[in-house]
Amino acid sequence: MPVAISALAVVSDPGFAQSLKEEYRKKTIGLSGVPQAAVDAAQKALGTAPTEAKLIQGTNPQEYELEAPTKSGGEISVHVLANGKVTKLEHEEKGED
């Protein structure tokens, strides 16, 4: 029975659920499908040109996640609106999931 209680605790964690829900809403797209204002803002926030783009479905205004590799082998990503407003910056080091 403790396993069921542990699983319930993880699923009922709002942060976990939000993160999981967001991952399912992301769709990989070409960088050419991202508005130039968003690409420019992402490049400034990342400190380098983004190499991968994802459309976050169901957002209004439209939100994108743009990613680039870090020198340490990890990844840095930025969430940006179509108009270029940055909403979130994330770092993921090599080996993290």
PDB file of N, CA and C in Angstrom:
ATOM      1  N   MET A   1       0.801  -1.200   0.000  1.00  0.00           N
ATOM      2  CA  MET A   1       0.000   0.000   0.000  1.00  0.00           C
ATOM      3  C   MET A   1       0.853   1.278   0.000  1.00  0.00           C
ATOM      4  N   PRO A   2       2.032   1.320   0.608  1.00  0.00           N
ATOM      5  CA  PRO A   2       2.825   2.557   0.575  1.00  0.00           C
ATOM      6  C   PRO A   2       3.159   3.013  -0.842  1.00  0.00           C
ATOM      7  N   VAL A   3       3.289   2.081  -1.768  1.00  0.00           N
ATOM      8  CA  VAL A   3       3.595   2.456  -3.143  1.00  0.00           C
ATOM      9  C   VAL A   3       2.457   3.284  -3.735  1.00  0.00           C
ATOM     10  N   ALA A   4       1.236   2.866  -3.507  1.00  0.00           N
ATOM     11  CA  ALA A   4       0.076   3.597  -4.024  1.00  0.00           C
ATOM     12  C   ALA A   4       0.013   4.998  -3.427  1.00  0.00           C
ATOM     13  N   ILE A   5       0.324   5.122  -2.160  1.00  0.00           N
ATOM     14  CA  ILE A   5       0.302   6.433  -1.503  1.00  0.00           C
ATOM     15  C   ILE A   5       1.402   7.321  -2.088  1.00  0.00           C
ATOM     16  N   SER A   6       2.584   6.766  -2.323  1.00  0.00           N
ATOM     17  CA  SER A   6       3.686   7.536  -2.903  1.00  0.00           C
ATOM     18  C   SER A   6       3.334   8.016  -4.301  1.00  0.00           C
ATOM     19  N   ALA A   7       2.775   7.125  -5.103  1.00  0.00           N
ATOM     20  CA  ALA A   7       2.404   7.502  -6.463  1.00  0.00           C
ATOM     21  C   ALA A   7       1.353   8.593  -6.445  1.00  0.00           C
ATOM     22  N   LEU A   8       0.395   8.488  -5.562  1.00  0.00           N
ATOM     23  CA  LEU A   8      -0.649   9.496  -5.445  1.00  0.00           C
ATOM     24  C   LEU A   8      -0.055  10.844  -5.046  1.00  0.00           C
ATOM     25  N   ALA A   9       0.912  10.825  -4.172  1.00  0.00           N
ATOM     26  CA  ALA A   9       1.551  12.074  -3.735  1.00  0.00           C
ATOM     27  C   ALA A   9       2.265  12.750  -4.904  1.00  0.00           C
ATOM     28  N   VAL A  10       2.934  11.975  -5.749  1.00  0.00           N
ATOM     29  CA  VAL A  10       3.652  12.538  -6.893  1.00  0.00           C
ATOM     30  C   VAL A  10       2.670  13.104  -7.909  1.00  0.00           C
ATOM     31  N   VAL A  11       1.617  12.360  -8.199  1.00  0.00           N
ATOM     32  CA  VAL A  11       0.647  12.802  -9.192  1.00  0.00           C
ATOM     33  C   VAL A  11      -0.124  14.019  -8.714  1.00  0.00           C
ATOM     34  N   SER A  12      -0.344  14.122  -7.410  1.00  0.00           N
ATOM     35  CA  SER A  12      -1.118  15.254  -6.903  1.00  0.00           C
ATOM     36  C   SER A  12      -0.275  16.511  -6.713  1.00  0.00           C
ATOM     37  N   ASP A  13       1.035  16.440  -6.919  1.00  0.00           N
ATOM     38  CA  ASP A  13       1.902  17.602  -6.814  1.00  0.00           C
ATOM     39  C   ASP A  13       1.636  18.523  -8.007  1.00  0.00           C
ATOM     40  N   PRO A  14       1.106  19.729  -7.799  1.00  0.00           N
ATOM     41  CA  PRO A  14       0.746  20.604  -8.915  1.00  0.00           C
ATOM     42  C   PRO A  14       1.929  20.965  -9.810  1.00  0.00           C
ATOM     43  N   GLY A  15       3.106  21.145  -9.252  1.00  0.00           N
ATOM     44  CA  GLY A  15       4.287  21.473 -10.058  1.00  0.00           C
ATOM     45  C   GLY A  15       4.647  20.350 -10.998  1.00  0.00           C
ATOM     46  N   PHE A  16       4.560  19.129 -10.500  1.00  0.00           N
ATOM     47  CA  PHE A  16       4.857  17.954 -11.319  1.00  0.00           C
ATOM     48  C   PHE A  16       3.833  17.830 -12.440  1.00  0.00           C
ATOM     49  N   ALA A  17       2.575  17.967 -12.097  1.00  0.00           N
ATOM     50  CA  ALA A  17       1.506  17.845 -13.086  1.00  0.00           C
ATOM     51  C   ALA A  17       1.631  18.927 -14.149  1.00  0.00           C
ATOM     52  N   GLN A  18       1.931  20.150 -13.753  1.00  0.00           N
ATOM     53  CA  GLN A  18       2.075  21.253 -14.701  1.00  0.00           C
ATOM     54  C   GLN A  18       3.229  20.988 -15.652  1.00  0.00           C
ATOM     55  N   SER A  19       4.356  20.524 -15.123  1.00  0.00           N
ATOM     56  CA  SER A  19       5.529  20.230 -15.933  1.00  0.00           C
ATOM     57  C   SER A  19       5.223  19.128 -16.933  1.00  0.00           C
ATOM     58  N   LEU A  20       4.552  18.084 -16.493  1.00  0.00           N
ATOM     59  CA  LEU A  20       4.208  16.965 -17.351  1.00  0.00           C
ATOM     60  C   LEU A  20       3.236  17.416 -18.439  1.00  0.00           C
ATOM     61  N   LYS A  21       2.251  18.198 -18.064  1.00  0.00           N
ATOM     62  CA  LYS A  21       1.261  18.691 -19.016  1.00  0.00           C
ATOM     63  C   LYS A  21       1.938  19.552 -20.085  1.00  0.00           C
ATOM     64  N   GLU A  22       2.881  20.379 -19.680  1.00  0.00           N
ATOM     65  CA  GLU A  22       3.579  21.251 -20.617  1.00  0.00           C
ATOM     66  C   GLU A  22       4.383  20.446 -21.629  1.00  0.00           C
ATOM     67  N   GLU A  23       5.046  19.375 -21.183  1.00  0.00           N
ATOM     68  CA  GLU A  23       5.838  18.544 -22.086  1.00  0.00           C
ATOM     69  C   GLU A  23       4.972  17.944 -23.192  1.00  0.00           C
ATOM     70  N   TYR A  24       3.764  17.530 -22.886  1.00  0.00           N
ATOM     71  CA  TYR A  24       2.879  16.943 -23.884  1.00  0.00           C
ATOM     72  C   TYR A  24       2.386  17.976 -24.883  1.00  0.00           C
ATOM     73  N   ARG A  25       2.400  19.239 -24.526  1.00  0.00           N
ATOM     74  CA  ARG A  25       1.900  20.299 -25.400  1.00  0.00           C
ATOM     75  C   ARG A  25       2.968  20.852 -26.324  1.00  0.00           C
ATOM     76  N   LYS A  26       4.201  20.414 -26.195  1.00  0.00           N
ATOM     77  CA  LYS A  26       5.288  20.937 -27.023  1.00  0.00           C
ATOM     78  C   LYS A  26       5.383  20.160 -28.336  1.00  0.00           C
ATOM     79  N   LYS A  27       5.550  20.910 -29.431  1.00  0.00           N
ATOM     80  CA  LYS A  27       5.673  20.310 -30.749  1.00  0.00           C
ATOM     81  C   LYS A  27       6.918  20.897 -31.408  1.00  0.00           C
ATOM     82  N   THR A  28       7.853  20.049 -31.786  1.00  0.00           N
ATOM     83  CA  THR A  28       9.072  20.517 -32.437  1.00  0.00           C
ATOM     84  C   THR A  28       8.738  21.102 -33.806  1.00  0.00           C
ATOM     85  N   ILE A  29       9.274  22.288 -34.054  1.00  0.00           N
ATOM     86  CA  ILE A  29       9.067  22.976 -35.336  1.00  0.00           C
ATOM     87  C   ILE A  29      10.421  23.493 -35.826  1.00  0.00           C
ATOM     88  N   GLY A  30      10.468  23.906 -37.066  1.00  0.00           N
ATOM     89  CA  GLY A  30      11.678  24.513 -37.607  1.00  0.00           C
ATOM     90  C   GLY A  30      11.826  25.934 -37.099  1.00  0.00           C
ATOM     91  N   LEU A  31      13.053  26.392 -36.966  1.00  0.00           N
ATOM     92  CA  LEU A  31      13.294  27.765 -36.518  1.00  0.00           C
ATOM     93  C   LEU A  31      12.643  28.782 -37.453  1.00  0.00           C
ATOM     94  N   SER A  32      12.485  28.417 -38.718  1.00  0.00           N
ATOM     95  CA  SER A  32      11.853  29.336 -39.676  1.00  0.00           C
ATOM     96  C   SER A  32      10.375  29.564 -39.354  1.00  0.00           C
ATOM     97  N   GLY A  33       9.782  28.699 -38.527  1.00  0.00           N
ATOM     98  CA  GLY A  33       8.388  28.849 -38.136  1.00  0.00           C
ATOM     99  C   GLY A  33       8.185  29.739 -36.925  1.00  0.00           C
ATOM    100  N   VAL A  34       9.283  30.268 -36.384  1.00  0.00           N
ATOM    101  CA  VAL A  34       9.220  31.126 -35.195  1.00  0.00           C
ATOM    102  C   VAL A  34       9.339  32.584 -35.641  1.00  0.00           C
ATOM    103  N   PRO A  35       8.471  33.472 -35.154  1.00  0.00           N
ATOM    104  CA  PRO A  35       8.574  34.887 -35.528  1.00  0.00           C
ATOM    105  C   PRO A  35       9.962  35.459 -35.212  1.00  0.00           C
ATOM    106  N   GLN A  36      10.432  36.346 -36.061  1.00  0.00           N
ATOM    107  CA  GLN A  36      11.779  36.910 -35.909  1.00  0.00           C
ATOM    108  C   GLN A  36      11.966  37.595 -34.564  1.00  0.00           C
ATOM    109  N   ALA A  37      10.946  38.281 -34.059  1.00  0.00           N
ATOM    110  CA  ALA A  37      11.064  38.958 -32.754  1.00  0.00           C
ATOM    111  C   ALA A  37      11.357  37.939 -31.653  1.00  0.00           C
ATOM    112  N   ALA A  38      10.738  36.772 -31.724  1.00  0.00           N
ATOM    113  CA  ALA A  38      10.948  35.725 -30.725  1.00  0.00           C
ATOM    114  C   ALA A  38      12.354  35.143 -30.844  1.00  0.00           C
ATOM    115  N   VAL A  39      12.812  34.921 -32.071  1.00  0.00           N
ATOM    116  CA  VAL A  39      14.164  34.386 -32.289  1.00  0.00           C
ATOM    117  C   VAL A  39      15.209  35.375 -31.780  1.00  0.00           C
ATOM    118  N   ASP A  40      15.037  36.652 -32.082  1.00  0.00           N
ATOM    119  CA  ASP A  40      15.995  37.677 -31.644  1.00  0.00           C
ATOM    120  C   ASP A  40      16.060  37.756 -30.116  1.00  0.00           C
ATOM    121  N   ALA A  41      14.887  37.732 -29.463  1.00  0.00           N
ATOM    122  CA  ALA A  41      14.855  37.794 -27.996  1.00  0.00           C
ATOM    123  C   ALA A  41      15.485  36.547 -27.384  1.00  0.00           C
ATOM    124  N   ALA A  42      15.224  35.396 -27.992  1.00  0.00           N
ATOM    125  CA  ALA A  42      15.798  34.140 -27.495  1.00  0.00           C
ATOM    126  C   ALA A  42      17.318  34.153 -27.626  1.00  0.00           C
ATOM    127  N   GLN A  43      17.819  34.625 -28.765  1.00  0.00           N
ATOM    128  CA  GLN A  43      19.268  34.670 -28.975  1.00  0.00           C
ATOM    129  C   GLN A  43      19.926  35.577 -27.945  1.00  0.00           C
ATOM    130  N   LYS A  44      19.312  36.691 -27.645  1.00  0.00           N
ATOM    131  CA  LYS A  44      19.849  37.611 -26.642  1.00  0.00           C
ATOM    132  C   LYS A  44      19.847  36.953 -25.258  1.00  0.00           C
ATOM    133  N   ALA A  45      18.741  36.280 -24.897  1.00  0.00           N
ATOM    134  CA  ALA A  45      18.636  35.637 -23.583  1.00  0.00           C
ATOM    135  C   ALA A  45      19.565  34.429 -23.459  1.00  0.00           C
ATOM    136  N   LEU A  46      19.717  33.667 -24.550  1.00  0.00           N
ATOM    137  CA  LEU A  46      20.556  32.471 -24.526  1.00  0.00           C
ATOM    138  C   LEU A  46      22.042  32.807 -24.630  1.00  0.00           C
ATOM    139  N   GLY A  47      22.351  33.942 -25.237  1.00  0.00           N
ATOM    140  CA  GLY A  47      23.746  34.308 -25.453  1.00  0.00           C
ATOM    141  C   GLY A  47      24.345  33.620 -26.667  1.00  0.00           C
ATOM    142  N   THR A  48      23.513  32.941 -27.431  1.00  0.00           N
ATOM    143  CA  THR A  48      23.931  32.244 -28.642  1.00  0.00           C
ATOM    144  C   THR A  48      22.697  31.983 -29.492  1.00  0.00           C
ATOM    145  N   ALA A  49      22.910  31.606 -30.731  1.00  0.00           N
ATOM    146  CA  ALA A  49      21.776  31.335 -31.612  1.00  0.00           C
ATOM    147  C   ALA A  49      21.077  30.039 -31.197  1.00  0.00           C
ATOM    148  N   PRO A  50      19.757  30.043 -31.146  1.00  0.00           N
ATOM    149  CA  PRO A  50      19.043  28.815 -30.815  1.00  0.00           C
ATOM    150  C   PRO A  50      19.219  27.775 -31.922  1.00  0.00           C
ATOM    151  N   THR A  51      19.224  26.506 -31.539  1.00  0.00           N
ATOM    152  CA  THR A  51      19.397  25.424 -32.504  1.00  0.00           C
ATOM    153  C   THR A  51      18.141  24.567 -32.646  1.00  0.00           C
ATOM    154  N   GLU A  52      17.201  24.721 -31.736  1.00  0.00           N
ATOM    155  CA  GLU A  52      15.983  23.923 -31.768  1.00  0.00           C
ATOM    156  C   GLU A  52      14.812  24.772 -31.306  1.00  0.00           C
ATOM    157  N   ALA A  53      13.649  24.546 -31.905  1.00  0.00           N
ATOM    158  CA  ALA A  53      12.454  25.309 -31.548  1.00  0.00           C
ATOM    159  C   ALA A  53      11.279  24.371 -31.307  1.00  0.00           C
ATOM    160  N   LYS A  54      10.470  24.735 -30.328  1.00  0.00           N
ATOM    161  CA  LYS A  54       9.237  23.999 -30.050  1.00  0.00           C
ATOM    162  C   LYS A  54       8.106  25.000 -29.895  1.00  0.00           C
ATOM    163  N   LEU A  55       6.971  24.628 -30.425  1.00  0.00           N
ATOM    164  CA  LEU A  55       5.745  25.396 -30.283  1.00  0.00           C
ATOM    165  C   LEU A  55       5.020  24.843 -29.067  1.00  0.00           C
ATOM    166  N   ILE A  56       4.625  25.702 -28.148  1.00  0.00           N
ATOM    167  CA  ILE A  56       3.863  25.250 -26.987  1.00  0.00           C
ATOM    168  C   ILE A  56       2.393  25.441 -27.346  1.00  0.00           C
ATOM    169  N   GLN A  57       1.738  24.336 -27.632  1.00  0.00           N
ATOM    170  CA  GLN A  57       0.364  24.366 -28.112  1.00  0.00           C
ATOM    171  C   GLN A  57      -0.602  24.816 -27.025  1.00  0.00           C
ATOM    172  N   GLY A  58      -1.605  25.559 -27.442  1.00  0.00           N
ATOM    173  CA  GLY A  58      -2.658  25.984 -26.527  1.00  0.00           C
ATOM    174  C   GLY A  58      -2.348  27.245 -25.747  1.00  0.00           C
ATOM    175  N   THR A  59      -1.295  27.972 -26.127  1.00  0.00           N
ATOM    176  CA  THR A  59      -0.960  29.210 -25.422  1.00  0.00           C
ATOM    177  C   THR A  59      -1.486  30.403 -26.213  1.00  0.00           C
ATOM    178  N   ASN A  60      -1.933  31.418 -25.482  1.00  0.00           N
ATOM    179  CA  ASN A  60      -2.433  32.626 -26.114  1.00  0.00           C
ATOM    180  C   ASN A  60      -2.032  33.814 -25.251  1.00  0.00           C
ATOM    181  N   PRO A  61      -1.118  34.670 -25.700  1.00  0.00           N
ATOM    182  CA  PRO A  61      -0.477  34.671 -27.014  1.00  0.00           C
ATOM    183  C   PRO A  61       0.439  33.459 -27.199  1.00  0.00           C
ATOM    184  N   GLN A  62       0.763  33.175 -28.462  1.00  0.00           N
ATOM    185  CA  GLN A  62       1.570  31.999 -28.801  1.00  0.00           C
ATOM    186  C   GLN A  62       2.928  32.043 -28.109  1.00  0.00           C
ATOM    187  N   GLU A  63       3.319  30.912 -27.523  1.00  0.00           N
ATOM    188  CA  GLU A  63       4.598  30.808 -26.823  1.00  0.00           C
ATOM    189  C   GLU A  63       5.450  29.734 -27.490  1.00  0.00           C
ATOM    190  N   TYR A  64       6.756  29.987 -27.504  1.00  0.00           N
ATOM    191  CA  TYR A  64       7.725  29.074 -28.106  1.00  0.00           C
ATOM    192  C   TYR A  64       8.800  28.750 -27.077  1.00  0.00           C
ATOM    193  N   GLU A  65       9.417  27.578 -27.215  1.00  0.00           N
ATOM    194  CA  GLU A  65      10.592  27.239 -26.422  1.00  0.00           C
ATOM    195  C   GLU A  65      11.734  27.085 -27.410  1.00  0.00           C
ATOM    196  N   LEU A  66      12.779  27.885 -27.220  1.00  0.00           N
ATOM    197  CA  LEU A  66      13.953  27.833 -28.085  1.00  0.00           C
ATOM    198  C   LEU A  66      15.137  27.362 -27.252  1.00  0.00           C
ATOM    199  N   GLU A  67      15.925  26.437 -27.817  1.00  0.00           N
ATOM    200  CA  GLU A  67      17.004  25.800 -27.072  1.00  0.00           C
ATOM    201  C   GLU A  67      18.343  25.939 -27.786  1.00  0.00           C
ATOM    202  N   ALA A  68      19.393  25.838 -26.982  1.00  0.00           N
ATOM    203  CA  ALA A  68      20.763  25.840 -27.503  1.00  0.00           C
ATOM    204  C   ALA A  68      21.628  25.015 -26.558  1.00  0.00           C
ATOM    205  N   PRO A  69      22.669  24.362 -27.100  1.00  0.00           N
ATOM    206  CA  PRO A  69      23.579  23.610 -26.230  1.00  0.00           C
ATOM    207  C   PRO A  69      24.486  24.563 -25.449  1.00  0.00           C
ATOM    208  N   THR A  70      24.935  24.113 -24.272  1.00  0.00           N
ATOM    209  CA  THR A  70      25.892  24.895 -23.482  1.00  0.00           C
ATOM    210  C   THR A  70      27.289  24.334 -23.714  1.00  0.00           C
ATOM    211  N   LYS A  71      28.294  25.096 -23.353  1.00  0.00           N
ATOM    212  CA  LYS A  71      29.684  24.648 -23.523  1.00  0.00           C
ATOM    213  C   LYS A  71      29.999  23.422 -22.680  1.00  0.00           C
ATOM    214  N   SER A  72      29.256  23.242 -21.564  1.00  0.00           N
ATOM    215  CA  SER A  72      29.501  22.107 -20.670  1.00  0.00           C
ATOM    216  C   SER A  72      28.769  20.841 -21.123  1.00  0.00           C
ATOM    217  N   GLY A  73      28.099  20.911 -22.276  1.00  0.00           N
ATOM    218  CA  GLY A  73      27.398  19.740 -22.793  1.00  0.00           C
ATOM    219  C   GLY A  73      25.947  19.659 -22.374  1.00  0.00           C
ATOM    220  N   GLY A  74      25.475  20.642 -21.639  1.00  0.00           N
ATOM    221  CA  GLY A  74      24.078  20.683 -21.229  1.00  0.00           C
ATOM    222  C   GLY A  74      23.245  21.428 -22.251  1.00  0.00           C
ATOM    223  N   GLU A  75      22.156  21.974 -21.780  1.00  0.00           N
ATOM    224  CA  GLU A  75      21.245  22.685 -22.656  1.00  0.00           C
ATOM    225  C   GLU A  75      20.649  23.877 -21.914  1.00  0.00           C
ATOM    226  N   ILE A  76      20.432  24.940 -22.646  1.00  0.00           N
ATOM    227  CA  ILE A  76      19.766  26.111 -22.097  1.00  0.00           C
ATOM    228  C   ILE A  76      18.552  26.378 -22.978  1.00  0.00           C
ATOM    229  N   SER A  77      17.443  26.717 -22.357  1.00  0.00           N
ATOM    230  CA  SER A  77      16.250  26.999 -23.146  1.00  0.00           C
ATOM    231  C   SER A  77      15.551  28.234 -22.600  1.00  0.00           C
ATOM    232  N   VAL A  78      14.802  28.849 -23.489  1.00  0.00           N
ATOM    233  CA  VAL A  78      14.075  30.050 -23.127  1.00  0.00           C
ATOM    234  C   VAL A  78      12.664  29.937 -23.698  1.00  0.00           C
ATOM    235  N   HIS A  79      11.687  30.332 -22.889  1.00  0.00           N
ATOM    236  CA  HIS A  79      10.309  30.426 -23.364  1.00  0.00           C
ATOM    237  C   HIS A  79      10.086  31.874 -23.748  1.00  0.00           C
ATOM    238  N   VAL A  80       9.566  32.078 -24.935  1.00  0.00           N
ATOM    239  CA  VAL A  80       9.397  33.432 -25.442  1.00  0.00           C
ATOM    240  C   VAL A  80       8.073  33.523 -26.206  1.00  0.00           C
ATOM    241  N   LEU A  81       7.418  34.659 -26.062  1.00  0.00           N
ATOM    242  CA  LEU A  81       6.174  34.905 -26.790  1.00  0.00           C
ATOM    243  C   LEU A  81       6.495  35.360 -28.209  1.00  0.00           C
ATOM    244  N   ALA A  82       5.516  35.276 -29.083  1.00  0.00           N
ATOM    245  CA  ALA A  82       5.707  35.662 -30.483  1.00  0.00           C
ATOM    246  C   ALA A  82       6.210  37.099 -30.627  1.00  0.00           C
ATOM    247  N   ASN A  83       5.842  37.970 -29.673  1.00  0.00           N
ATOM    248  CA  ASN A  83       6.257  39.375 -29.742  1.00  0.00           C
ATOM    249  C   ASN A  83       7.662  39.621 -29.199  1.00  0.00           C
ATOM    250  N   GLY A  84       8.322  38.561 -28.701  1.00  0.00           N
ATOM    251  CA  GLY A  84       9.692  38.693 -28.211  1.00  0.00           C
ATOM    252  C   GLY A  84       9.823  38.793 -26.704  1.00  0.00           C
ATOM    253  N   LYS A  85       8.731  38.742 -25.962  1.00  0.00           N
ATOM    254  CA  LYS A  85       8.805  38.809 -24.501  1.00  0.00           C
ATOM    255  C   LYS A  85       9.232  37.452 -23.941  1.00  0.00           C
ATOM    256  N   VAL A  86      10.333  37.445 -23.179  1.00  0.00           N
ATOM    257  CA  VAL A  86      10.844  36.227 -22.558  1.00  0.00           C
ATOM    258  C   VAL A  86      10.039  35.952 -21.292  1.00  0.00           C
ATOM    259  N   THR A  87       9.542  34.712 -21.144  1.00  0.00           N
ATOM    260  CA  THR A  87       8.735  34.350 -19.978  1.00  0.00           C
ATOM    261  C   THR A  87       9.444  33.402 -19.029  1.00  0.00           C
ATOM    262  N   LYS A  88      10.451  32.658 -19.528  1.00  0.00           N
ATOM    263  CA  LYS A  88      11.142  31.711 -18.657  1.00  0.00           C
ATOM    264  C   LYS A  88      12.488  31.338 -19.271  1.00  0.00           C
ATOM    265  N   LEU A  89      13.502  31.164 -18.406  1.00  0.00           N
ATOM    266  CA  LEU A  89      14.830  30.738 -18.833  1.00  0.00           C
ATOM    267  C   LEU A  89      15.199  29.519 -18.010  1.00  0.00           C
ATOM    268  N   GLU A  90      15.630  28.430 -18.663  1.00  0.00           N
ATOM    269  CA  GLU A  90      15.954  27.185 -17.975  1.00  0.00           C
ATOM    270  C   GLU A  90      17.327  26.687 -18.397  1.00  0.00           C
ATOM    271  N   HIS A  91      18.074  26.138 -17.418  1.00  0.00           N
ATOM    272  CA  HIS A  91      19.364  25.477 -17.672  1.00  0.00           C
ATOM    273  C   HIS A  91      19.223  24.016 -17.322  1.00  0.00           C
ATOM    274  N   GLU A  92      19.730  23.142 -18.164  1.00  0.00           N
ATOM    275  CA  GLU A  92      19.754  21.718 -17.865  1.00  0.00           C
ATOM    276  C   GLU A  92      21.165  21.225 -18.130  1.00  0.00           C
ATOM    277  N   GLU A  93      21.820  20.770 -17.076  1.00  0.00           N
ATOM    278  CA  GLU A  93      23.189  20.298 -17.232  1.00  0.00           C
ATOM    279  C   GLU A  93      23.215  18.879 -17.759  1.00  0.00           C
ATOM    280  N   LYS A  94      24.337  18.504 -18.340  1.00  0.00           N
ATOM    281  CA  LYS A  94      24.500  17.167 -18.902  1.00  0.00           C
ATOM    282  C   LYS A  94      24.191  16.116 -17.831  1.00  0.00           C
ATOM    283  N   GLY A  95      23.366  15.125 -18.191  1.00  0.00           N
ATOM    284  CA  GLY A  95      23.031  14.059 -17.253  1.00  0.00           C
ATOM    285  C   GLY A  95      21.753  14.300 -16.492  1.00  0.00           C
ATOM    286  N   GLU A  96      21.182  15.496 -16.538  1.00  0.00           N
ATOM    287  CA  GLU A  96      19.901  15.791 -15.860  1.00  0.00           C
ATOM    288  C   GLU A  96      18.768  15.483 -16.811  1.00  0.00           C
ATOM    289  N   ASP A  97      17.629  15.120 -16.263  1.00  0.00           N
ATOM    290  CA  ASP A  97      16.426  14.927 -17.089  1.00  0.00           C
ATOM    291  C   ASP A  97      15.270  15.667 -16.522  1.00  0.00           C
TER     292      ASP A  97
END
